[in-house]
Amino acid sequence: MATTGFWPIKGSLKDLVKYADNPDKTTNPKYLDDDLAAALKYVENDDKTDMKMFVTGINCPTIRAYEQMMLTKRRYGKLGGNVAYHGYQSFKVDEVTPEEAHKIGLETARRMWGKDYEMVVTTHLNTENIHNHIVVNSVSFKTGLKFENHIRDHIKLREISDDVCREFNKSVLENAKFYKSDKKLYWMKKNGKLTHRDILRQDVDDAIKESANIMEFDRIMHIKGYTFNRKIGTKHPSVIAKGWEKPIRIDSLGDDYTTDRIMERISQNGIKVPIYGVSDGVRRTRKKYQQTPLTEIERQLKKVKYMDMIELLFYVLMELLKPSKPTPTYHPPLSPMLRQELRKFDQYQKQFRLLHDENIHTVPELEAFIGKLSKQLDDLDAERKKIDNKRRRAKTDDETKAYYAEIRGVSAQMKPIRDKLKIAKATLESVPKVNELLDIERTMERKVLQREKEKSR
């Protein structure tokens, strides 16, 4: 069984080819004899070597793939936009040998792109599931036309891969649903992000485990922050969460999520409900979710008054998402939309550190900081160009080497500034989103507090 996909690359084609053609990933000693592994380890240090396992060029020489692809681009004057496409084909653990995986990858690539495009196919052995990487030039060497990248092409790749796997007597994922016409969901998946459906599926599974009957399932889903557009007793129940644009049908999550199947799964729990009461599962869920951590955090911060504006914004967000909190005392955000942001914790942490270290409190201060970094980069780039102009007029090799050393020195100064600028720009872009997330969470917590007040009366 193989899963497939590909996505456009707008950056450096050379870096992409280097990544796919990485001997650290393609020469796992597990699949080699000791002598060959030792020999490969030795030649890995040779920048000119072409001795790599499971690396093959299609319509271009393996060791000159980058140069050949660039010649094609220059010939047709198409150097901008998407420079290449990066495909993958990942196999079930222990189902294929490296040799089989590479043959399947080559045949799949040839049938998909082999008539018009240059490619490099590599088989990586650095994870449990052996997988192929396919680097495809975005410009056809035959016609000069660029690959257009439609959803139907992704479906076609999967179909070709399945056909080839069958020919090699390997299993395929039968009746697998694709992402239909929704490109946004597809690219979220390719970037390793959780979609609304992923979060919903996790929450439905948790709700089923904690429920004694379908009424408790309904109650727990409400506690988790969902509203039923169509009730659970209807043919196609659907839910929506705060911040979502449209509801999602629960049975669209898969065969295990139809109403009948959910009821069957709940019945297998064997949980009994006390008379006039609810099961422990509902109580646990209510205790876990119906807290108000944001309200408490903001109340304490008002007391200490040591932080301000956007720095505080990111601090509060990290406190809500903080994965290192002990489980007994950590209450997940009420909003499914905010729970989805846990995957970005490291990114938000970098942004907070930048704001804190640079003493940035407001959006105008952040914008001024971005302007300052941009000016520094422009000045250094101008300096580097001056040195490079001198290098072009150098009369001796020693002078040329000296200028190259100066250029490298300036580039070394530029790198940390460029890295900091990237984080600063991402922070500026994140501010509206963080505000929205906290507003949604704040609204949901207010509803919880209001319900608690009503109960106490």
Protein backbone atom coordinates (compact mmCIF):
# COMPACT_ATOMS: atom_id res chain seq x y z
CA MET A 1 0.00 0.00 0.00
CA ALA A 2 1.43 3.38 -1.00
CA THR A 3 0.26 6.89 -0.26
CA THR A 4 1.18 9.65 -2.70
CA GLY A 5 1.16 13.39 -3.15
CA PHE A 6 3.13 16.31 -4.51
CA TRP A 7 3.36 20.06 -4.02
CA PRO A 8 4.95 23.02 -5.81
CA ILE A 9 8.34 24.41 -4.82
CA LYS A 10 8.94 28.14 -5.21
CA GLY A 11 12.37 28.31 -3.60
CA SER A 12 15.70 26.92 -4.70
CA LEU A 13 15.60 24.02 -7.15
CA LYS A 14 19.17 23.19 -6.20
CA ASP A 15 18.26 22.80 -2.51
CA LEU A 16 15.34 20.55 -3.39
CA VAL A 17 17.47 18.26 -5.56
CA LYS A 18 20.09 18.12 -2.80
CA TYR A 19 17.45 17.19 -0.22
CA ALA A 20 16.01 14.36 -2.30
CA ASP A 21 19.48 13.19 -3.34
CA ASN A 22 20.83 12.93 0.23
CA PRO A 23 23.15 9.97 0.91
CA ASP A 24 22.30 10.12 4.64
CA LYS A 25 18.74 9.14 3.70
CA THR A 26 19.43 6.83 0.76
CA THR A 27 22.17 4.58 2.13
CA ASN A 28 20.86 3.11 5.38
CA PRO A 29 23.46 0.49 6.41
CA LYS A 30 20.55 -1.78 7.42
CA TYR A 31 20.15 -2.61 3.72
CA LEU A 32 23.86 -2.83 2.85
CA ASP A 33 26.72 -5.13 3.72
CA ASP A 34 29.32 -3.76 6.15
CA ASP A 35 32.04 -3.26 3.55
CA LEU A 36 29.77 -1.30 1.23
CA ALA A 37 28.39 0.75 4.14
CA ALA A 38 31.94 1.64 5.19
CA ALA A 39 32.88 2.55 1.63
CA LEU A 40 29.83 4.76 1.24
CA LYS A 41 30.51 6.47 4.55
CA TYR A 42 33.98 7.29 3.26
CA VAL A 43 32.86 8.66 -0.12
CA GLU A 44 30.05 10.75 1.42
CA ASN A 45 32.70 13.31 2.29
CA ASP A 46 33.66 13.70 -1.37
CA ASP A 47 31.70 16.58 -2.90
CA LYS A 48 32.19 15.14 -6.39
CA THR A 49 30.97 11.60 -5.74
CA ASP A 50 28.01 10.12 -7.57
CA MET A 51 28.08 6.89 -5.56
CA LYS A 52 24.63 6.99 -3.93
CA MET A 53 22.14 4.18 -3.58
CA PHE A 54 18.65 4.29 -5.07
CA VAL A 55 18.99 7.60 -6.89
CA THR A 56 17.96 7.70 -10.55
CA GLY A 57 17.46 10.48 -13.07
CA ILE A 58 14.70 10.25 -15.68
CA ASN A 59 15.16 12.26 -18.90
CA CYS A 60 18.33 13.74 -17.34
CA PRO A 61 21.66 12.42 -16.04
CA THR A 62 21.49 11.54 -12.35
CA ILE A 63 24.61 13.45 -11.35
CA ARG A 64 23.80 16.54 -13.46
CA ALA A 65 20.07 16.75 -12.86
CA TYR A 66 20.12 20.30 -11.50
CA GLU A 67 22.17 21.65 -14.39
CA GLN A 68 19.98 19.88 -16.97
CA MET A 69 16.75 21.21 -15.42
CA MET A 70 18.12 24.75 -15.37
CA LEU A 71 19.17 24.47 -19.03
CA THR A 72 15.58 23.58 -19.92
CA LYS A 73 14.27 26.58 -17.97
CA ARG A 74 16.73 28.96 -19.62
CA ARG A 75 15.99 27.55 -23.08
CA TYR A 76 12.34 28.48 -22.73
CA GLY A 77 12.88 31.59 -20.59
CA LYS A 78 10.86 30.27 -17.64
CA LEU A 79 12.95 30.77 -14.53
CA GLY A 80 10.29 32.20 -12.22
CA GLY A 81 7.22 30.90 -10.41
CA ASN A 82 7.13 27.26 -9.34
CA VAL A 83 10.64 25.93 -9.99
CA ALA A 84 9.73 22.27 -9.47
CA TYR A 85 7.29 19.83 -7.92
CA HIS A 86 8.20 17.63 -4.98
CA GLY A 87 6.36 14.32 -4.95
CA TYR A 88 6.41 11.48 -2.47
CA GLN A 89 5.32 7.86 -2.43
CA SER A 90 5.31 6.21 0.99
CA PHE A 91 4.90 2.48 1.58
CA LYS A 92 3.45 0.42 4.39
CA VAL A 93 6.06 -0.68 6.94
CA ASP A 94 7.89 -3.89 5.94
CA GLU A 95 5.87 -4.34 2.73
CA VAL A 96 8.64 -3.48 0.26
CA THR A 97 12.38 -3.80 0.03
CA PRO A 98 14.39 -0.72 -0.97
CA GLU A 99 14.96 -2.25 -4.41
CA GLU A 100 11.22 -2.85 -4.93
CA ALA A 101 10.32 0.61 -3.66
CA HIS A 102 12.77 2.22 -6.06
CA LYS A 103 11.47 0.22 -9.05
CA ILE A 104 7.87 1.11 -8.16
CA GLY A 105 8.84 4.78 -7.77
CA LEU A 106 10.61 4.83 -11.15
CA GLU A 107 7.68 3.22 -12.96
CA THR A 108 5.17 5.52 -11.25
CA ALA A 109 7.19 8.61 -12.16
CA ARG A 110 7.64 7.52 -15.77
CA ARG A 111 3.92 6.94 -16.28
CA MET A 112 2.99 10.20 -14.60
CA TRP A 113 5.57 12.65 -15.98
CA GLY A 114 8.05 10.67 -18.09
CA LYS A 115 6.91 11.85 -21.52
CA ASP A 116 7.55 15.54 -20.92
CA TYR A 117 9.52 16.30 -17.77
CA GLU A 118 12.95 15.74 -16.24
CA MET A 119 12.95 14.03 -12.85
CA VAL A 120 15.08 12.59 -10.10
CA VAL A 121 13.65 9.65 -8.13
CA THR A 122 15.22 8.70 -4.81
CA THR A 123 14.32 6.09 -2.24
CA HIS A 124 14.84 7.16 1.37
CA LEU A 125 15.54 4.58 4.04
CA ASN A 126 15.80 6.85 7.08
CA THR A 127 12.33 6.09 8.50
CA GLU A 128 10.41 2.90 9.30
CA ASN A 129 8.30 3.19 6.18
CA ILE A 130 10.48 3.27 3.08
CA HIS A 131 9.45 6.14 0.81
CA ASN A 132 10.29 7.68 -2.55
CA HIS A 133 10.88 11.33 -3.34
CA ILE A 134 10.33 12.58 -6.88
CA VAL A 135 11.68 15.94 -8.00
CA VAL A 136 9.98 17.06 -11.20
CA ASN A 137 11.10 20.04 -13.29
CA SER A 138 8.18 22.44 -13.66
CA VAL A 139 9.05 23.12 -17.35
CA SER A 140 8.62 20.49 -20.06
CA PHE A 141 11.80 19.74 -22.02
CA LYS A 142 9.60 18.89 -25.03
CA THR A 143 7.12 21.77 -25.22
CA GLY A 144 8.47 24.41 -22.84
CA LEU A 145 5.05 24.50 -21.15
CA LYS A 146 4.81 24.57 -17.36
CA PHE A 147 3.01 21.86 -15.43
CA GLU A 148 -0.34 23.32 -14.35
CA ASN A 149 -0.97 21.27 -11.17
CA HIS A 150 -4.70 20.49 -11.02
CA ILE A 151 -6.41 18.38 -8.37
CA ARG A 152 -7.09 15.78 -11.06
CA ASP A 153 -3.29 15.37 -11.41
CA HIS A 154 -3.04 14.36 -7.75
CA ILE A 155 -5.83 11.83 -8.26
CA LYS A 156 -4.07 10.54 -11.39
CA LEU A 157 -0.80 10.06 -9.46
CA ARG A 158 -2.57 7.99 -6.84
CA GLU A 159 -4.28 5.86 -9.51
CA ILE A 160 -0.99 5.25 -11.32
CA SER A 161 0.75 4.38 -8.06
CA ASP A 162 -2.01 1.90 -7.18
CA ASP A 163 -1.77 0.27 -10.62
CA VAL A 164 1.99 -0.14 -10.34
CA CYS A 165 1.71 -1.49 -6.79
CA ARG A 166 -0.78 -4.11 -7.98
CA GLU A 167 1.60 -5.13 -10.76
CA PHE A 168 4.28 -5.68 -8.09
CA ASN A 169 1.75 -7.67 -5.98
CA LYS A 170 1.63 -5.00 -3.28
CA SER A 171 -1.51 -3.95 -1.43
CA VAL A 172 -3.41 -0.74 -2.21
CA LEU A 173 -5.79 1.36 -0.14
CA GLU A 174 -9.13 0.40 -1.68
CA ASN A 175 -11.93 2.98 -2.01
CA ALA A 176 -9.77 5.69 -0.44
CA LYS A 177 -11.45 9.08 -0.50
CA PHE A 178 -9.45 11.93 -1.99
CA TYR A 179 -9.90 15.59 -1.13
CA LYS A 180 -12.31 16.11 -4.03
CA SER A 181 -11.99 19.71 -5.21
CA ASP A 182 -10.93 21.29 -1.93
CA LYS A 183 -7.35 22.45 -2.53
CA LYS A 184 -7.13 24.17 0.87
CA LEU A 185 -7.61 20.88 2.72
CA TYR A 186 -5.16 19.13 0.41
CA TRP A 187 -2.34 21.61 1.00
CA MET A 188 -3.02 21.66 4.75
CA LYS A 189 -2.47 17.91 4.74
CA LYS A 190 0.70 18.21 2.69
CA ASN A 191 2.09 20.76 5.17
CA GLY A 192 1.34 18.47 8.10
CA LYS A 193 -1.40 20.68 9.50
CA LEU A 194 -4.55 19.52 11.25
CA THR A 195 -7.78 20.30 9.45
CA HIS A 196 -11.15 20.96 11.07
CA ARG A 197 -12.04 17.37 10.23
CA ASP A 198 -8.95 16.05 12.02
CA ILE A 199 -9.85 17.94 15.21
CA LEU A 200 -13.52 16.91 14.91
CA ARG A 201 -12.60 13.25 14.42
CA GLN A 202 -10.44 13.30 17.57
CA ASP A 203 -13.20 14.97 19.58
CA VAL A 204 -15.89 12.57 18.31
CA ASP A 205 -13.70 9.59 19.24
CA ASP A 206 -13.14 11.02 22.73
CA ALA A 207 -16.86 11.75 23.14
CA ILE A 208 -17.78 8.19 22.12
CA LYS A 209 -15.34 6.71 24.67
CA GLU A 210 -16.81 8.80 27.50
CA SER A 211 -20.51 8.36 26.64
CA ALA A 212 -23.02 5.88 28.04
CA ASN A 213 -25.68 6.69 25.44
CA ILE A 214 -26.36 8.93 22.46
CA MET A 215 -27.75 11.72 24.68
CA GLU A 216 -24.48 11.87 26.58
CA PHE A 217 -22.58 11.94 23.29
CA ASP A 218 -24.62 15.00 22.31
CA ARG A 219 -23.90 16.62 25.69
CA ILE A 220 -20.15 15.98 25.54
CA MET A 221 -19.89 17.39 22.01
CA HIS A 222 -21.54 20.58 23.29
CA ILE A 223 -19.08 20.71 26.19
CA LYS A 224 -16.22 20.42 23.70
CA GLY A 225 -17.45 23.53 21.88
CA TYR A 226 -19.61 22.17 19.07
CA THR A 227 -23.15 23.13 18.07
CA PHE A 228 -25.34 20.65 16.18
CA ASN A 229 -26.80 22.10 12.99
CA ARG A 230 -28.55 18.79 12.44
CA LYS A 231 -29.20 16.84 15.62
CA ILE A 232 -27.59 13.50 16.31
CA GLY A 233 -30.88 11.66 15.82
CA THR A 234 -31.26 12.81 12.20
CA LYS A 235 -29.98 10.93 9.16
CA HIS A 236 -26.91 13.12 8.59
CA PRO A 237 -26.03 15.00 11.83
CA SER A 238 -23.67 17.94 11.38
CA VAL A 239 -21.77 20.20 13.76
CA ILE A 240 -20.11 23.59 13.62
CA ALA A 241 -17.62 25.23 15.97
CA LYS A 242 -16.98 28.89 16.66
CA GLY A 243 -14.78 30.30 13.91
CA TRP A 244 -15.72 27.69 11.30
CA GLU A 245 -17.23 28.95 8.06
CA LYS A 246 -19.59 26.00 7.58
CA PRO A 247 -20.76 22.86 9.41
CA ILE A 248 -19.31 19.38 8.88
CA ARG A 249 -21.37 16.23 8.58
CA ILE A 250 -20.14 13.73 11.15
CA ASP A 251 -20.76 10.74 8.86
CA SER A 252 -18.42 12.33 6.28
CA LEU A 253 -15.52 11.49 8.62
CA GLY A 254 -15.70 7.83 7.60
CA ASP A 255 -17.61 4.58 7.96
CA ASP A 256 -17.09 4.55 11.74
CA TYR A 257 -18.95 7.85 12.14
CA THR A 258 -22.47 7.15 10.90
CA THR A 259 -25.17 7.53 13.57
CA ASP A 260 -25.74 3.75 13.73
CA ARG A 261 -22.03 3.05 14.04
CA ILE A 262 -21.57 5.73 16.72
CA MET A 263 -24.42 4.17 18.74
CA GLU A 264 -22.86 0.74 18.29
CA ARG A 265 -19.46 1.98 19.48
CA ILE A 266 -21.06 3.67 22.49
CA SER A 267 -22.91 0.46 23.43
CA GLN A 268 -19.57 -1.39 23.49
CA ASN A 269 -18.36 0.88 26.32
CA GLY A 270 -20.64 -0.88 28.81
CA ILE A 271 -21.07 2.32 30.84
CA LYS A 272 -24.17 2.56 33.06
CA VAL A 273 -25.86 5.83 33.97
CA PRO A 274 -27.12 6.40 37.53
CA ILE A 275 -30.83 7.24 37.85
CA TYR A 276 -31.41 10.99 37.44
CA GLY A 277 -27.77 11.51 36.75
CA VAL A 278 -24.96 11.32 34.21
CA SER A 279 -22.04 8.96 33.87
CA ASP A 280 -18.53 9.67 35.14
CA GLY A 281 -17.44 10.22 31.55
CA VAL A 282 -19.62 13.32 31.24
CA ARG A 283 -18.39 14.61 34.60
CA ARG A 284 -14.78 14.08 33.59
CA THR A 285 -15.32 15.86 30.28
CA ARG A 286 -17.13 18.76 31.93
CA LYS A 287 -14.34 19.10 34.49
CA LYS A 288 -11.71 18.94 31.74
CA TYR A 289 -13.32 21.39 29.32
CA GLN A 290 -15.64 23.64 31.30
CA GLN A 291 -12.89 25.56 33.03
CA THR A 292 -11.99 29.15 32.22
CA PRO A 293 -8.18 29.28 31.97
CA LEU A 294 -8.14 32.39 29.76
CA THR A 295 -10.28 34.32 32.23
CA GLU A 296 -8.00 33.25 35.08
CA ILE A 297 -4.80 34.08 33.18
CA GLU A 298 -6.06 37.55 32.27
CA ARG A 299 -7.25 38.16 35.84
CA GLN A 300 -3.79 37.37 37.22
CA LEU A 301 -2.00 39.42 34.58
CA LYS A 302 -4.11 42.46 35.46
CA LYS A 303 -2.82 42.11 39.01
CA VAL A 304 0.87 41.99 38.13
CA LYS A 305 0.68 44.48 35.23
CA TYR A 306 4.14 43.72 33.91
CA MET A 307 3.35 43.01 30.27
CA ASP A 308 1.65 44.97 27.55
CA MET A 309 -0.10 44.71 24.20
CA ILE A 310 1.06 42.16 21.60
CA GLU A 311 3.73 40.65 23.84
CA LEU A 312 0.95 39.83 26.30
CA LEU A 313 -1.17 38.50 23.43
CA PHE A 314 1.37 35.82 22.52
CA TYR A 315 2.17 35.04 26.16
CA VAL A 316 -1.49 34.31 26.90
CA LEU A 317 -1.80 32.15 23.79
CA MET A 318 1.20 30.04 24.80
CA GLU A 319 -0.16 29.64 28.31
CA LEU A 320 -3.40 28.28 26.88
CA LEU A 321 -1.62 25.87 24.54
CA LYS A 322 1.40 25.02 26.66
CA PRO A 323 1.97 21.29 26.03
CA SER A 324 4.38 20.92 28.97
CA LYS A 325 1.67 21.54 31.57
CA PRO A 326 0.98 18.50 33.78
CA THR A 327 -2.11 16.67 32.54
CA PRO A 328 -4.12 16.84 35.81
CA THR A 329 -3.95 20.63 35.92
CA TYR A 330 -4.08 21.42 32.21
CA HIS A 331 -7.47 22.31 30.79
CA PRO A 332 -7.64 22.34 26.98
CA PRO A 333 -9.12 25.41 25.29
CA LEU A 334 -12.88 25.26 24.79
CA SER A 335 -12.63 26.31 21.15
CA PRO A 336 -11.73 23.53 18.69
CA MET A 337 -10.21 26.27 16.53
CA LEU A 338 -7.78 27.19 19.31
CA ARG A 339 -6.96 23.54 20.09
CA GLN A 340 -5.95 23.25 16.44
CA GLU A 341 -3.19 25.81 17.04
CA LEU A 342 -1.24 23.51 19.38
CA ARG A 343 0.72 22.35 16.33
CA LYS A 344 2.14 25.88 16.03
CA PHE A 345 3.32 26.16 19.64
CA ASP A 346 7.03 26.30 18.71
CA GLN A 347 6.33 28.98 16.11
CA TYR A 348 4.38 31.13 18.59
CA GLN A 349 7.12 30.65 21.17
CA LYS A 350 9.74 32.06 18.75
CA GLN A 351 7.49 35.03 18.05
CA PHE A 352 6.99 35.73 21.75
CA ARG A 353 10.74 35.54 22.43
CA LEU A 354 11.41 38.03 19.65
CA LEU A 355 8.86 40.49 21.07
CA HIS A 356 10.24 40.05 24.58
CA ASP A 357 13.95 40.25 23.66
CA GLU A 358 13.49 43.28 21.39
CA ASN A 359 11.19 45.05 23.87
CA ILE A 360 8.37 45.35 21.30
CA HIS A 361 4.93 46.08 22.77
CA THR A 362 2.79 47.46 19.95
CA VAL A 363 2.11 46.80 16.28
CA PRO A 364 3.70 50.15 15.20
CA GLU A 365 6.85 49.20 17.14
CA LEU A 366 6.89 45.82 15.39
CA GLU A 367 6.45 47.47 11.99
CA ALA A 368 9.32 49.88 12.78
CA PHE A 369 11.49 46.93 13.82
CA ILE A 370 10.76 45.16 10.52
CA GLY A 371 11.70 48.33 8.66
CA LYS A 372 14.98 48.57 10.58
CA LEU A 373 15.92 44.96 9.79
CA SER A 374 15.01 45.43 6.13
CA LYS A 375 17.26 48.51 5.97
CA GLN A 376 20.15 46.58 7.54
CA LEU A 377 19.75 43.81 4.98
CA ASP A 378 19.62 46.29 2.09
CA ASP A 379 22.79 48.01 3.32
CA LEU A 380 24.65 44.72 3.70
CA ASP A 381 23.43 43.52 0.31
CA ALA A 382 24.70 46.74 -1.29
CA GLU A 383 28.05 46.24 0.45
CA ARG A 384 28.22 42.65 -0.80
CA LYS A 385 27.51 43.76 -4.36
CA LYS A 386 30.33 46.32 -4.19
CA ILE A 387 32.75 43.62 -3.06
CA ASP A 388 31.51 41.30 -5.81
CA ASN A 389 32.12 44.03 -8.40
CA LYS A 390 35.69 44.33 -7.15
CA ARG A 391 36.03 40.54 -7.38
CA ARG A 392 35.02 40.66 -11.04
CA ARG A 393 37.91 43.06 -11.71
CA ALA A 394 40.46 41.09 -9.67
CA LYS A 395 43.68 40.34 -11.51
CA THR A 396 45.03 37.45 -9.44
CA ASP A 397 43.60 34.30 -7.88
CA ASP A 398 44.68 35.50 -4.44
CA GLU A 399 42.69 38.71 -4.85
CA THR A 400 39.67 36.72 -6.02
CA LYS A 401 39.87 34.40 -2.98
CA ALA A 402 40.19 37.39 -0.65
CA TYR A 403 37.07 39.01 -2.12
CA TYR A 404 35.16 35.74 -1.87
CA ALA A 405 36.12 35.58 1.81
CA GLU A 406 34.77 39.12 2.32
CA ILE A 407 31.54 38.19 0.54
CA ARG A 408 31.10 35.15 2.79
CA GLY A 409 31.69 37.34 5.82
CA VAL A 410 28.95 39.77 4.79
CA SER A 411 26.60 36.87 4.02
CA ALA A 412 27.27 35.50 7.51
CA GLN A 413 26.19 38.86 8.96
CA MET A 414 23.02 38.84 6.87
CA LYS A 415 21.79 35.39 7.90
CA PRO A 416 20.77 36.11 11.54
CA ILE A 417 19.15 39.38 10.45
CA ARG A 418 17.22 37.58 7.72
CA ASP A 419 16.11 34.89 10.20
CA LYS A 420 14.95 37.52 12.67
CA LEU A 421 13.13 39.43 9.92
CA LYS A 422 11.29 36.27 8.90
CA ILE A 423 10.04 35.74 12.46
CA ALA A 424 9.08 39.41 12.81
CA LYS A 425 7.04 39.36 9.60
CA ALA A 426 5.32 36.13 10.64
CA THR A 427 4.52 37.72 14.01
CA LEU A 428 2.91 40.74 12.35
CA GLU A 429 0.81 38.44 10.18
CA SER A 430 -0.21 36.37 13.23
CA VAL A 431 -1.53 39.26 15.34
CA PRO A 432 -5.06 39.40 13.81
CA LYS A 433 -5.37 35.60 13.98
CA VAL A 434 -4.29 35.47 17.64
CA ASN A 435 -6.74 38.23 18.52
CA GLU A 436 -9.52 36.32 16.80
CA LEU A 437 -8.63 33.05 18.57
CA LEU A 438 -8.59 34.68 22.00
CA ASP A 439 -11.86 36.52 21.31
CA ILE A 440 -13.55 33.22 20.43
CA GLU A 441 -12.17 31.53 23.56
CA ARG A 442 -13.13 34.50 25.73
CA THR A 443 -16.71 34.39 24.44
CA MET A 444 -16.99 30.66 25.13
CA GLU A 445 -15.62 31.05 28.66
CA ARG A 446 -18.10 33.83 29.38
CA LYS A 447 -20.92 31.46 28.44
CA VAL A 448 -19.53 28.86 30.85
CA LEU A 449 -19.32 31.43 33.66
CA GLN A 450 -22.84 32.62 32.89
CA ARG A 451 -24.19 29.06 33.10
CA GLU A 452 -22.41 28.53 36.40
CA LYS A 453 -23.95 31.70 37.81
CA GLU A 454 -27.40 30.62 36.70
CA LYS A 455 -26.95 27.22 38.36
CA SER A 456 -25.81 28.80 41.63
CA ARG A 457 -28.97 30.93 41.71
